[in-house]
Amino acid sequence: MTIRLILAGCGNMGYAMLKGWLDAGKLAKGHVLVVEPNDELRERAEALGCQGVADAAGIPANASPQLIVLAVKPQVIRAVAEAYRRFADGRTTYVSVAAGTSVATLEDSLGGRPPVMRCMPNTPAAIGKGMMVVFSNPQVGEAVKQQVLDLLSASGEVATIADEKLMDAVTAVSGSGPAYIFHFIEALTAAAQQAGLPEQTAKLLAMQTVYGAATLAAQSGEEPGVLRQQVTSPNGTTAAALGVLMGDDRLTRLVTEAVEAARLRSIELGR
């Protein structure tokens, strides 16, 4: 078996990424080794056709992976990374999806300055509709970087940033952003019920409206402001509602405050 990629951690995000890679044909299952201490999670990965081991000690001595993906929680990333120090000779690139964990922290845990990429995904990656943002240290070669970006594209859209400090803003917008949208769906559902609609109908209208509007915004090629204007007739029902949401920039100010609160918290957690 030629191990090209080691996936350390196969929880919800790790498994979603792995399944996306395999389903999209980005990787051959025989080239992936999954390291996962939880028996149930490891067996789930093995059911996809990948080899699994319980810990890093089980990795074959002759393994020389191109990539090691660290898909574990920030609380344990240091200890987990240290178990993979033996590959930090410059030939293996490390990709971390641990939120709030800086490249400097990973370099320190791994020893020296191996090629390291930091990725912030979000939960829609589990269905191939995610947003992944990547920062790389200077040691990452261009060919490897493109290979990783191609892998990540199986889980959704991918963007890169040149300044790691922007990762806190990324976390606040796309990392935490799905929760904002879920809450908007909750709020729109509650408003629909208050207006007299039955619960299930209210849920359907709220969810499908958000889904349809987001899909249209993504596919139409028009700016969101133009699409908004197309829905809004002068002195009509939509204009009346937008007068509440847009008056005094109410919604914009609220969302801006929310994103800033998340960004500042991301900075605190990363210290």
C-alpha atoms as a PDB file:
ATOM      1  CA  MET A   1       0.000   0.000   0.000  1.00  0.00           C
ATOM      2  CA  THR A   2       1.341   3.417  -1.016  1.00  0.00           C
ATOM      3  CA  ILE A   3       0.183   5.967   1.541  1.00  0.00           C
ATOM      4  CA  ARG A   4      -0.204   9.358  -0.108  1.00  0.00           C
ATOM      5  CA  LEU A   5      -2.450  10.953   2.508  1.00  0.00           C
ATOM      6  CA  ILE A   6      -2.861  10.416   6.237  1.00  0.00           C
ATOM      7  CA  LEU A   7      -6.086  11.704   7.754  1.00  0.00           C
ATOM      8  CA  ALA A   8      -5.639  12.266  11.486  1.00  0.00           C
ATOM      9  CA  GLY A   9      -9.136  12.405  12.931  1.00  0.00           C
ATOM     10  CA  CYS A  10     -12.294  11.137  11.262  1.00  0.00           C
ATOM     11  CA  GLY A  11     -15.104  12.879  13.121  1.00  0.00           C
ATOM     12  CA  ASN A  12     -17.895  14.663  11.258  1.00  0.00           C
ATOM     13  CA  MET A  13     -15.680  17.111   9.375  1.00  0.00           C
ATOM     14  CA  GLY A  14     -12.875  14.628   8.684  1.00  0.00           C
ATOM     15  CA  TYR A  15     -15.313  12.003   7.449  1.00  0.00           C
ATOM     16  CA  ALA A  16     -17.191  14.498   5.267  1.00  0.00           C
ATOM     17  CA  MET A  17     -13.947  15.616   3.641  1.00  0.00           C
ATOM     18  CA  LEU A  18     -12.749  12.045   3.146  1.00  0.00           C
ATOM     19  CA  LYS A  19     -16.032  10.919   1.580  1.00  0.00           C
ATOM     20  CA  GLY A  20     -16.031  13.961  -0.681  1.00  0.00           C
ATOM     21  CA  TRP A  21     -12.503  13.209  -1.903  1.00  0.00           C
ATOM     22  CA  LEU A  22     -13.337   9.597  -2.646  1.00  0.00           C
ATOM     23  CA  ASP A  23     -16.730  10.283  -4.243  1.00  0.00           C
ATOM     24  CA  ALA A  24     -15.210  12.940  -6.496  1.00  0.00           C
ATOM     25  CA  GLY A  25     -12.340  10.657  -7.503  1.00  0.00           C
ATOM     26  CA  LYS A  26      -9.766  13.048  -6.041  1.00  0.00           C
ATOM     27  CA  LEU A  27      -8.062  10.208  -4.172  1.00  0.00           C
ATOM     28  CA  ALA A  28      -7.880   6.440  -4.472  1.00  0.00           C
ATOM     29  CA  LYS A  29      -9.102   4.764  -1.289  1.00  0.00           C
ATOM     30  CA  GLY A  30      -6.019   2.566  -1.233  1.00  0.00           C
ATOM     31  CA  HIS A  31      -3.795   5.632  -0.908  1.00  0.00           C
ATOM     32  CA  VAL A  32      -5.451   6.909   2.287  1.00  0.00           C
ATOM     33  CA  LEU A  33      -4.636   5.922   5.852  1.00  0.00           C
ATOM     34  CA  VAL A  34      -7.049   7.074   8.559  1.00  0.00           C
ATOM     35  CA  VAL A  35      -5.819   7.489  12.133  1.00  0.00           C
ATOM     36  CA  GLU A  36      -8.791   7.508  14.505  1.00  0.00           C
ATOM     37  CA  PRO A  37      -8.871   6.207  18.111  1.00  0.00           C
ATOM     38  CA  ASN A  38     -12.654   5.895  18.226  1.00  0.00           C
ATOM     39  CA  ASP A  39     -13.546   2.405  16.997  1.00  0.00           C
ATOM     40  CA  GLU A  40     -16.914   3.377  15.543  1.00  0.00           C
ATOM     41  CA  LEU A  41     -15.523   6.351  13.627  1.00  0.00           C
ATOM     42  CA  ARG A  42     -12.536   4.360  12.375  1.00  0.00           C
ATOM     43  CA  GLU A  43     -14.788   1.539  11.173  1.00  0.00           C
ATOM     44  CA  ARG A  44     -16.926   4.086   9.346  1.00  0.00           C
ATOM     45  CA  ALA A  45     -13.836   5.221   7.424  1.00  0.00           C
ATOM     46  CA  GLU A  46     -12.793   1.628   6.769  1.00  0.00           C
ATOM     47  CA  ALA A  47     -16.242   0.971   5.307  1.00  0.00           C
ATOM     48  CA  LEU A  48     -15.299   3.431   2.564  1.00  0.00           C
ATOM     49  CA  GLY A  49     -12.358   1.169   1.689  1.00  0.00           C
ATOM     50  CA  CYS A  50      -9.598   3.036   3.512  1.00  0.00           C
ATOM     51  CA  GLN A  51      -7.119   1.471   5.900  1.00  0.00           C
ATOM     52  CA  GLY A  52      -7.505   2.581   9.504  1.00  0.00           C
ATOM     53  CA  VAL A  53      -5.303   2.532  12.598  1.00  0.00           C
ATOM     54  CA  ALA A  54      -6.045   3.604  16.168  1.00  0.00           C
ATOM     55  CA  ASP A  55      -3.086   5.940  16.670  1.00  0.00           C
ATOM     56  CA  ALA A  56       0.005   7.348  14.986  1.00  0.00           C
ATOM     57  CA  ALA A  57       2.107   4.475  16.321  1.00  0.00           C
ATOM     58  CA  GLY A  58       0.224   2.220  13.907  1.00  0.00           C
ATOM     59  CA  ILE A  59       1.466   4.059  10.832  1.00  0.00           C
ATOM     60  CA  PRO A  60       3.865   1.830   8.862  1.00  0.00           C
ATOM     61  CA  ALA A  61       7.539   2.666   9.448  1.00  0.00           C
ATOM     62  CA  ASN A  62       8.172   3.054   5.716  1.00  0.00           C
ATOM     63  CA  ALA A  63       5.271   5.473   5.144  1.00  0.00           C
ATOM     64  CA  SER A  64       6.180   8.694   3.344  1.00  0.00           C
ATOM     65  CA  PRO A  65       2.899  10.579   2.825  1.00  0.00           C
ATOM     66  CA  GLN A  66       2.623  13.653   0.642  1.00  0.00           C
ATOM     67  CA  LEU A  67      -0.071  15.100   2.888  1.00  0.00           C
ATOM     68  CA  ILE A  68      -1.137  14.791   6.517  1.00  0.00           C
ATOM     69  CA  VAL A  69      -4.533  16.318   7.230  1.00  0.00           C
ATOM     70  CA  LEU A  70      -5.084  17.183  10.892  1.00  0.00           C
ATOM     71  CA  ALA A  71      -8.861  17.129  11.332  1.00  0.00           C
ATOM     72  CA  VAL A  72      -9.064  17.325  15.115  1.00  0.00           C
ATOM     73  CA  LYS A  73     -10.388  19.806  17.670  1.00  0.00           C
ATOM     74  CA  PRO A  74      -8.247  22.822  18.624  1.00  0.00           C
ATOM     75  CA  GLN A  75      -8.003  21.593  22.224  1.00  0.00           C
ATOM     76  CA  VAL A  76      -5.955  18.550  21.186  1.00  0.00           C
ATOM     77  CA  ILE A  77      -4.181  19.790  18.062  1.00  0.00           C
ATOM     78  CA  ARG A  78      -0.800  20.299  19.771  1.00  0.00           C
ATOM     79  CA  ALA A  79      -0.659  16.777  21.181  1.00  0.00           C
ATOM     80  CA  VAL A  80      -1.896  15.256  17.935  1.00  0.00           C
ATOM     81  CA  ALA A  81       0.568  17.215  15.783  1.00  0.00           C
ATOM     82  CA  GLU A  82       3.506  16.162  17.956  1.00  0.00           C
ATOM     83  CA  ALA A  83       2.727  12.529  17.137  1.00  0.00           C
ATOM     84  CA  TYR A  84       3.513  13.295  13.468  1.00  0.00           C
ATOM     85  CA  ARG A  85       6.864  15.015  13.985  1.00  0.00           C
ATOM     86  CA  ARG A  86       8.716  12.197  12.263  1.00  0.00           C
ATOM     87  CA  PHE A  87       7.313  13.348   8.922  1.00  0.00           C
ATOM     88  CA  ALA A  88       8.417  16.972   9.375  1.00  0.00           C
ATOM     89  CA  ASP A  89      11.413  16.656   7.062  1.00  0.00           C
ATOM     90  CA  GLY A  90      10.059  18.972   4.391  1.00  0.00           C
ATOM     91  CA  ARG A  91       8.716  16.255   2.113  1.00  0.00           C
ATOM     92  CA  THR A  92       5.286  16.086   3.765  1.00  0.00           C
ATOM     93  CA  THR A  93       2.822  18.976   3.833  1.00  0.00           C
ATOM     94  CA  TYR A  94       0.533  19.342   6.839  1.00  0.00           C
ATOM     95  CA  VAL A  95      -3.031  20.639   6.426  1.00  0.00           C
ATOM     96  CA  SER A  96      -4.886  21.689   9.582  1.00  0.00           C
ATOM     97  CA  VAL A  97      -8.619  22.328   9.885  1.00  0.00           C
ATOM     98  CA  ALA A  98      -8.431  23.100  13.610  1.00  0.00           C
ATOM     99  CA  ALA A  99     -10.172  26.439  14.169  1.00  0.00           C
ATOM    100  CA  GLY A 100      -8.147  29.202  15.777  1.00  0.00           C
ATOM    101  CA  THR A 101      -4.852  27.311  15.637  1.00  0.00           C
ATOM    102  CA  SER A 102      -2.121  29.397  14.013  1.00  0.00           C
ATOM    103  CA  VAL A 103       0.520  28.140  11.620  1.00  0.00           C
ATOM    104  CA  ALA A 104       3.155  29.180  14.183  1.00  0.00           C
ATOM    105  CA  THR A 105       1.524  26.913  16.777  1.00  0.00           C
ATOM    106  CA  LEU A 106       1.554  24.015  14.334  1.00  0.00           C
ATOM    107  CA  GLU A 107       5.175  24.652  13.376  1.00  0.00           C
ATOM    108  CA  ASP A 108       6.141  24.683  17.039  1.00  0.00           C
ATOM    109  CA  SER A 109       4.292  21.417  17.690  1.00  0.00           C
ATOM    110  CA  LEU A 110       5.808  19.733  14.654  1.00  0.00           C
ATOM    111  CA  GLY A 111       9.328  21.047  15.203  1.00  0.00           C
ATOM    112  CA  GLY A 112      11.150  23.239  12.729  1.00  0.00           C
ATOM    113  CA  ARG A 113       9.296  24.836   9.841  1.00  0.00           C
ATOM    114  CA  PRO A 114       7.709  22.133   7.670  1.00  0.00           C
ATOM    115  CA  PRO A 115       5.196  23.013   4.925  1.00  0.00           C
ATOM    116  CA  VAL A 116       1.930  23.869   6.703  1.00  0.00           C
ATOM    117  CA  MET A 117      -1.470  24.920   5.368  1.00  0.00           C
ATOM    118  CA  ARG A 118      -4.263  26.158   7.589  1.00  0.00           C
ATOM    119  CA  CYS A 119      -7.844  25.712   6.405  1.00  0.00           C
ATOM    120  CA  MET A 120     -11.075  27.130   7.801  1.00  0.00           C
ATOM    121  CA  PRO A 121     -14.029  25.083   6.493  1.00  0.00           C
ATOM    122  CA  ASN A 122     -17.660  25.391   7.514  1.00  0.00           C
ATOM    123  CA  THR A 123     -20.367  22.829   8.175  1.00  0.00           C
ATOM    124  CA  PRO A 124     -21.978  22.852   4.686  1.00  0.00           C
ATOM    125  CA  ALA A 125     -18.747  21.151   3.562  1.00  0.00           C
ATOM    126  CA  ALA A 126     -20.436  17.985   4.839  1.00  0.00           C
ATOM    127  CA  ILE A 127     -22.763  18.113   1.796  1.00  0.00           C
ATOM    128  CA  GLY A 128     -20.240  19.497  -0.677  1.00  0.00           C
ATOM    129  CA  LYS A 129     -21.528  23.069  -0.338  1.00  0.00           C
ATOM    130  CA  GLY A 130     -18.917  24.425   2.049  1.00  0.00           C
ATOM    131  CA  MET A 131     -16.638  27.436   2.018  1.00  0.00           C
ATOM    132  CA  MET A 132     -12.974  26.672   2.643  1.00  0.00           C
ATOM    133  CA  VAL A 133     -10.384  29.407   3.113  1.00  0.00           C
ATOM    134  CA  VAL A 134      -6.668  28.502   3.116  1.00  0.00           C
ATOM    135  CA  PHE A 135      -3.464  30.143   4.308  1.00  0.00           C
ATOM    136  CA  SER A 136      -0.054  28.597   3.568  1.00  0.00           C
ATOM    137  CA  ASN A 137       3.378  29.189   5.042  1.00  0.00           C
ATOM    138  CA  PRO A 138       6.259  29.927   2.621  1.00  0.00           C
ATOM    139  CA  GLN A 139       7.478  26.325   2.754  1.00  0.00           C
ATOM    140  CA  VAL A 140       4.453  25.044   0.815  1.00  0.00           C
ATOM    141  CA  GLY A 141       5.327  24.473  -2.841  1.00  0.00           C
ATOM    142  CA  GLU A 142       2.993  25.740  -5.554  1.00  0.00           C
ATOM    143  CA  ALA A 143       2.304  22.258  -6.952  1.00  0.00           C
ATOM    144  CA  VAL A 144       1.339  20.887  -3.538  1.00  0.00           C
ATOM    145  CA  LYS A 145      -0.773  23.959  -2.808  1.00  0.00           C
ATOM    146  CA  GLN A 146      -2.762  23.425  -5.999  1.00  0.00           C
ATOM    147  CA  GLN A 147      -3.160  19.742  -5.151  1.00  0.00           C
ATOM    148  CA  VAL A 148      -4.618  20.610  -1.743  1.00  0.00           C
ATOM    149  CA  LEU A 149      -6.915  23.279  -3.168  1.00  0.00           C
ATOM    150  CA  ASP A 150      -8.170  20.732  -5.696  1.00  0.00           C
ATOM    151  CA  LEU A 151      -8.829  18.229  -2.899  1.00  0.00           C
ATOM    152  CA  LEU A 152     -10.726  20.792  -0.853  1.00  0.00           C
ATOM    153  CA  SER A 153     -12.844  21.766  -3.861  1.00  0.00           C
ATOM    154  CA  ALA A 154     -14.677  18.458  -3.456  1.00  0.00           C
ATOM    155  CA  SER A 155     -16.267  20.002  -0.357  1.00  0.00           C
ATOM    156  CA  GLY A 156     -17.332  23.310  -1.919  1.00  0.00           C
ATOM    157  CA  GLU A 157     -15.785  26.633  -2.838  1.00  0.00           C
ATOM    158  CA  VAL A 158     -12.153  27.386  -1.964  1.00  0.00           C
ATOM    159  CA  ALA A 159     -10.399  30.720  -1.471  1.00  0.00           C
ATOM    160  CA  THR A 160      -6.889  31.644  -0.324  1.00  0.00           C
ATOM    161  CA  ILE A 161      -5.591  34.511   1.799  1.00  0.00           C
ATOM    162  CA  ALA A 162      -2.039  35.887   1.961  1.00  0.00           C
ATOM    163  CA  ASP A 163      -2.324  37.352   5.492  1.00  0.00           C
ATOM    164  CA  GLU A 164      -3.037  34.835   8.247  1.00  0.00           C
ATOM    165  CA  LYS A 165      -4.477  37.566  10.481  1.00  0.00           C
ATOM    166  CA  LEU A 166      -7.470  37.669   8.148  1.00  0.00           C
ATOM    167  CA  MET A 167      -8.387  34.151   9.276  1.00  0.00           C
ATOM    168  CA  ASP A 168     -10.205  35.666  12.267  1.00  0.00           C
ATOM    169  CA  ALA A 169     -12.457  37.578   9.861  1.00  0.00           C
ATOM    170  CA  VAL A 170     -12.912  34.427   7.792  1.00  0.00           C
ATOM    171  CA  THR A 171     -13.972  32.571  10.923  1.00  0.00           C
ATOM    172  CA  ALA A 172     -16.475  35.314  11.756  1.00  0.00           C
ATOM    173  CA  VAL A 173     -18.010  35.391   8.270  1.00  0.00           C
ATOM    174  CA  SER A 174     -17.994  31.908   6.728  1.00  0.00           C
ATOM    175  CA  GLY A 175     -16.951  29.760   9.677  1.00  0.00           C
ATOM    176  CA  SER A 176     -19.687  31.013  12.008  1.00  0.00           C
ATOM    177  CA  GLY A 177     -21.904  32.310   9.192  1.00  0.00           C
ATOM    178  CA  PRO A 178     -24.063  29.201   8.746  1.00  0.00           C
ATOM    179  CA  ALA A 179     -25.358  29.705  12.293  1.00  0.00           C
ATOM    180  CA  TYR A 180     -26.455  33.236  11.375  1.00  0.00           C
ATOM    181  CA  ILE A 181     -28.404  31.891   8.401  1.00  0.00           C
ATOM    182  CA  PHE A 182     -29.950  29.096  10.468  1.00  0.00           C
ATOM    183  CA  HIS A 183     -31.110  31.674  12.995  1.00  0.00           C
ATOM    184  CA  PHE A 184     -32.567  33.832  10.220  1.00  0.00           C
ATOM    185  CA  ILE A 185     -34.552  30.791   9.066  1.00  0.00           C
ATOM    186  CA  GLU A 186     -35.754  30.338  12.656  1.00  0.00           C
ATOM    187  CA  ALA A 187     -36.741  34.003  12.858  1.00  0.00           C
ATOM    188  CA  LEU A 188     -38.527  33.981   9.481  1.00  0.00           C
ATOM    189  CA  THR A 189     -40.362  30.802  10.499  1.00  0.00           C
ATOM    190  CA  ALA A 190     -41.499  32.410  13.755  1.00  0.00           C
ATOM    191  CA  ALA A 191     -42.660  35.524  11.884  1.00  0.00           C
ATOM    192  CA  ALA A 192     -44.585  33.368   9.406  1.00  0.00           C
ATOM    193  CA  GLN A 193     -46.353  31.591  12.249  1.00  0.00           C
ATOM    194  CA  GLN A 194     -47.117  34.922  13.901  1.00  0.00           C
ATOM    195  CA  ALA A 195     -48.717  35.960  10.603  1.00  0.00           C
ATOM    196  CA  GLY A 196     -51.032  32.936  10.844  1.00  0.00           C
ATOM    197  CA  LEU A 197     -49.338  30.220   8.803  1.00  0.00           C
ATOM    198  CA  PRO A 198     -49.298  26.630  10.153  1.00  0.00           C
ATOM    199  CA  GLU A 199     -45.941  25.517  11.634  1.00  0.00           C
ATOM    200  CA  GLN A 200     -44.908  23.100   8.885  1.00  0.00           C
ATOM    201  CA  THR A 201     -45.906  25.504   6.133  1.00  0.00           C
ATOM    202  CA  ALA A 202     -44.019  28.308   7.872  1.00  0.00           C
ATOM    203  CA  LYS A 203     -40.876  26.155   8.090  1.00  0.00           C
ATOM    204  CA  LEU A 204     -41.096  25.166   4.435  1.00  0.00           C
ATOM    205  CA  LEU A 205     -41.610  28.732   3.227  1.00  0.00           C
ATOM    206  CA  ALA A 206     -38.736  30.085   5.316  1.00  0.00           C
ATOM    207  CA  MET A 207     -36.247  27.350   4.428  1.00  0.00           C
ATOM    208  CA  GLN A 208     -37.040  27.170   0.707  1.00  0.00           C
ATOM    209  CA  THR A 209     -37.039  30.947   0.372  1.00  0.00           C
ATOM    210  CA  VAL A 210     -33.542  31.223   1.860  1.00  0.00           C
ATOM    211  CA  TYR A 211     -32.297  28.267  -0.199  1.00  0.00           C
ATOM    212  CA  GLY A 212     -33.814  29.556  -3.430  1.00  0.00           C
ATOM    213  CA  ALA A 213     -32.595  33.119  -2.921  1.00  0.00           C
ATOM    214  CA  ALA A 214     -29.043  31.972  -2.129  1.00  0.00           C
ATOM    215  CA  THR A 215     -29.011  29.675  -5.168  1.00  0.00           C
ATOM    216  CA  LEU A 216     -30.287  32.466  -7.416  1.00  0.00           C
ATOM    217  CA  ALA A 217     -27.662  34.865  -6.054  1.00  0.00           C
ATOM    218  CA  ALA A 218     -24.936  32.290  -6.727  1.00  0.00           C
ATOM    219  CA  GLN A 219     -26.073  31.383 -10.232  1.00  0.00           C
ATOM    220  CA  SER A 220     -27.585  34.526 -11.753  1.00  0.00           C
ATOM    221  CA  GLY A 221     -24.402  36.557 -12.110  1.00  0.00           C
ATOM    222  CA  GLU A 222     -26.211  39.604 -10.733  1.00  0.00           C
ATOM    223  CA  GLU A 223     -25.160  41.539  -7.652  1.00  0.00           C
ATOM    224  CA  PRO A 224     -27.352  40.845  -4.594  1.00  0.00           C
ATOM    225  CA  GLY A 225     -28.396  44.509  -4.558  1.00  0.00           C
ATOM    226  CA  VAL A 226     -29.681  44.235  -8.132  1.00  0.00           C
ATOM    227  CA  LEU A 227     -31.630  41.072  -7.291  1.00  0.00           C
ATOM    228  CA  ARG A 228     -33.137  42.837  -4.272  1.00  0.00           C
ATOM    229  CA  GLN A 229     -34.265  45.717  -6.451  1.00  0.00           C
ATOM    230  CA  GLN A 230     -35.828  43.302  -8.944  1.00  0.00           C
ATOM    231  CA  VAL A 231     -38.079  41.924  -6.194  1.00  0.00           C
ATOM    232  CA  THR A 232     -38.968  45.362  -4.834  1.00  0.00           C
ATOM    233  CA  SER A 233     -41.852  47.239  -6.456  1.00  0.00           C
ATOM    234  CA  PRO A 234     -42.213  50.919  -5.482  1.00  0.00           C
ATOM    235  CA  ASN A 235     -44.527  51.254  -2.488  1.00  0.00           C
ATOM    236  CA  GLY A 236     -45.183  47.513  -2.583  1.00  0.00           C
ATOM    237  CA  THR A 237     -45.115  44.818   0.099  1.00  0.00           C
ATOM    238  CA  THR A 238     -41.386  44.129  -0.223  1.00  0.00           C
ATOM    239  CA  ALA A 239     -40.596  47.828   0.022  1.00  0.00           C
ATOM    240  CA  ALA A 240     -42.610  48.017   3.227  1.00  0.00           C
ATOM    241  CA  ALA A 241     -40.626  45.159   4.750  1.00  0.00           C
ATOM    242  CA  LEU A 242     -37.268  46.498   3.579  1.00  0.00           C
ATOM    243  CA  GLY A 243     -38.142  49.831   5.127  1.00  0.00           C
ATOM    244  CA  VAL A 244     -37.979  48.030   8.476  1.00  0.00           C
ATOM    245  CA  LEU A 245     -34.839  45.978   7.731  1.00  0.00           C
ATOM    246  CA  MET A 246     -32.895  48.701   5.908  1.00  0.00           C
ATOM    247  CA  GLY A 247     -34.071  51.769   7.790  1.00  0.00           C
ATOM    248  CA  ASP A 248     -31.091  53.454   9.467  1.00  0.00           C
ATOM    249  CA  ASP A 249     -29.012  50.546   8.041  1.00  0.00           C
ATOM    250  CA  ARG A 250     -30.540  48.479  10.843  1.00  0.00           C
ATOM    251  CA  LEU A 251     -29.788  44.993   9.519  1.00  0.00           C
ATOM    252  CA  THR A 252     -26.366  45.933   8.131  1.00  0.00           C
ATOM    253  CA  ARG A 253     -25.326  47.425  11.461  1.00  0.00           C
ATOM    254  CA  LEU A 254     -26.602  44.389  13.384  1.00  0.00           C
ATOM    255  CA  VAL A 255     -24.784  41.903  11.141  1.00  0.00           C
ATOM    256  CA  THR A 256     -21.603  44.004  11.247  1.00  0.00           C
ATOM    257  CA  GLU A 257     -21.705  44.024  15.057  1.00  0.00           C
ATOM    258  CA  ALA A 258     -22.247  40.249  15.097  1.00  0.00           C
ATOM    259  CA  VAL A 259     -19.317  39.573  12.750  1.00  0.00           C
ATOM    260  CA  GLU A 260     -17.056  41.876  14.757  1.00  0.00           C
ATOM    261  CA  ALA A 261     -17.995  40.106  18.011  1.00  0.00           C
ATOM    262  CA  ALA A 262     -17.126  36.753  16.419  1.00  0.00           C
ATOM    263  CA  ARG A 263     -13.854  38.117  15.003  1.00  0.00           C
ATOM    264  CA  LEU A 264     -12.731  39.464  18.376  1.00  0.00           C
ATOM    265  CA  ARG A 265     -13.626  36.173  20.052  1.00  0.00           C
ATOM    266  CA  SER A 266     -11.624  34.292  17.433  1.00  0.00           C
ATOM    267  CA  ILE A 267      -8.601  36.443  18.272  1.00  0.00           C
ATOM    268  CA  GLU A 268      -9.047  35.703  21.985  1.00  0.00           C
ATOM    269  CA  LEU A 269      -9.328  31.953  21.428  1.00  0.00           C
ATOM    270  CA  GLY A 270      -6.219  31.948  19.236  1.00  0.00           C
ATOM    271  CA  ARG A 271      -3.949  33.375  21.907  1.00  0.00           C
END
